[in-house]
Amino acid sequence: MGWSYRKSIKLGPFRLNLSRGGVGHSWGNRAFRVTRTADGRKTLNVNLPGGFHWRKTLGSSSRR
């Protein structure tokens, strides 16, 4: 099994995500969040009360 690392730093509605794969960031709150991952993917997350959630990938990875 390989090793992994993940650290998240909150700065108000902005979050900086550090991982073995690189640095990502996200903006938003608990109900609505836009994320840019370390590998370049962009996702939109919407969370509703009662456990309902929706996720849409807005762009594909920039690295291949």
C-alpha atoms as a PDB file:
ATOM      1  CA  MET A   1       0.000   0.000   0.000  1.00  0.00           C
ATOM      2  CA  GLY A   2       1.326   3.453  -0.927  1.00  0.00           C
ATOM      3  CA  TRP A   3       1.541   6.504   1.276  1.00  0.00           C
ATOM      4  CA  SER A   4      -0.694   9.541   1.144  1.00  0.00           C
ATOM      5  CA  TYR A   5      -0.838  13.027   2.586  1.00  0.00           C
ATOM      6  CA  ARG A   6      -3.675  15.525   2.862  1.00  0.00           C
ATOM      7  CA  LYS A   7      -3.902  18.834   4.722  1.00  0.00           C
ATOM      8  CA  SER A   8      -6.630  21.452   4.422  1.00  0.00           C
ATOM      9  CA  ILE A   9      -6.199  25.082   5.528  1.00  0.00           C
ATOM     10  CA  LYS A  10      -9.373  27.163   5.925  1.00  0.00           C
ATOM     11  CA  LEU A  11      -9.296  30.923   5.298  1.00  0.00           C
ATOM     12  CA  GLY A  12     -12.940  31.969   5.633  1.00  0.00           C
ATOM     13  CA  PRO A  13     -14.873  30.756   2.566  1.00  0.00           C
ATOM     14  CA  PHE A  14     -11.575  29.900   0.832  1.00  0.00           C
ATOM     15  CA  ARG A  15      -9.838  26.555   1.441  1.00  0.00           C
ATOM     16  CA  LEU A  16      -6.314  25.549   0.430  1.00  0.00           C
ATOM     17  CA  ASN A  17      -5.852  21.780   0.015  1.00  0.00           C
ATOM     18  CA  LEU A  18      -2.364  20.277   0.173  1.00  0.00           C
ATOM     19  CA  SER A  19      -1.795  16.687  -0.906  1.00  0.00           C
ATOM     20  CA  ARG A  20       0.864  14.397  -2.271  1.00  0.00           C
ATOM     21  CA  GLY A  21      -0.420  15.186  -5.787  1.00  0.00           C
ATOM     22  CA  GLY A  22      -0.076  18.964  -5.395  1.00  0.00           C
ATOM     23  CA  VAL A  23      -2.027  21.998  -4.262  1.00  0.00           C
ATOM     24  CA  GLY A  24      -5.723  22.570  -4.886  1.00  0.00           C
ATOM     25  CA  HIS A  25      -8.151  25.226  -3.724  1.00  0.00           C
ATOM     26  CA  SER A  26     -11.855  25.686  -3.248  1.00  0.00           C
ATOM     27  CA  TRP A  27     -14.279  28.487  -2.537  1.00  0.00           C
ATOM     28  CA  GLY A  28     -17.748  28.434  -1.059  1.00  0.00           C
ATOM     29  CA  ASN A  29     -19.682  27.257   1.959  1.00  0.00           C
ATOM     30  CA  ARG A  30     -21.289  24.031   3.140  1.00  0.00           C
ATOM     31  CA  ALA A  31     -24.184  24.253   0.642  1.00  0.00           C
ATOM     32  CA  PHE A  32     -22.286  25.414  -2.480  1.00  0.00           C
ATOM     33  CA  ARG A  33     -18.605  24.915  -3.297  1.00  0.00           C
ATOM     34  CA  VAL A  34     -16.401  25.306  -6.391  1.00  0.00           C
ATOM     35  CA  THR A  35     -13.168  23.288  -6.314  1.00  0.00           C
ATOM     36  CA  ARG A  36      -9.983  23.204  -8.382  1.00  0.00           C
ATOM     37  CA  THR A  37      -8.074  20.000  -7.633  1.00  0.00           C
ATOM     38  CA  ALA A  38      -4.315  19.511  -7.682  1.00  0.00           C
ATOM     39  CA  ASP A  39      -4.517  17.776 -11.065  1.00  0.00           C
ATOM     40  CA  GLY A  40      -6.508  20.626 -12.661  1.00  0.00           C
ATOM     41  CA  ARG A  41     -10.086  19.315 -12.509  1.00  0.00           C
ATOM     42  CA  LYS A  42     -12.833  21.805 -11.651  1.00  0.00           C
ATOM     43  CA  THR A  43     -15.940  20.635  -9.817  1.00  0.00           C
ATOM     44  CA  LEU A  44     -19.136  22.242  -8.597  1.00  0.00           C
ATOM     45  CA  ASN A  45     -20.747  20.755  -5.454  1.00  0.00           C
ATOM     46  CA  VAL A  46     -24.252  21.522  -4.189  1.00  0.00           C
ATOM     47  CA  ASN A  47     -25.424  20.010  -0.872  1.00  0.00           C
ATOM     48  CA  LEU A  48     -29.047  20.200   0.200  1.00  0.00           C
ATOM     49  CA  PRO A  49     -30.656  19.405   3.565  1.00  0.00           C
ATOM     50  CA  GLY A  50     -31.620  15.786   4.111  1.00  0.00           C
ATOM     51  CA  GLY A  51     -28.438  14.321   2.634  1.00  0.00           C
ATOM     52  CA  PHE A  52     -29.073  15.213  -1.007  1.00  0.00           C
ATOM     53  CA  HIS A  53     -26.063  16.335  -3.002  1.00  0.00           C
ATOM     54  CA  TRP A  54     -25.076  17.018  -6.607  1.00  0.00           C
ATOM     55  CA  ARG A  55     -21.603  17.170  -8.145  1.00  0.00           C
ATOM     56  CA  LYS A  56     -20.653  18.290 -11.655  1.00  0.00           C
ATOM     57  CA  THR A  57     -17.175  18.154 -13.160  1.00  0.00           C
ATOM     58  CA  LEU A  58     -16.694  21.418 -15.068  1.00  0.00           C
ATOM     59  CA  GLY A  59     -13.366  20.661 -16.708  1.00  0.00           C
ATOM     60  CA  SER A  60     -11.063  17.743 -17.328  1.00  0.00           C
ATOM     61  CA  SER A  61      -7.555  17.253 -16.003  1.00  0.00           C
ATOM     62  CA  SER A  62      -4.839  19.425 -17.504  1.00  0.00           C
ATOM     63  CA  ARG A  63      -2.184  16.755 -16.806  1.00  0.00           C
ATOM     64  CA  ARG A  64      -2.046  13.465 -18.704  1.00  0.00           C
END
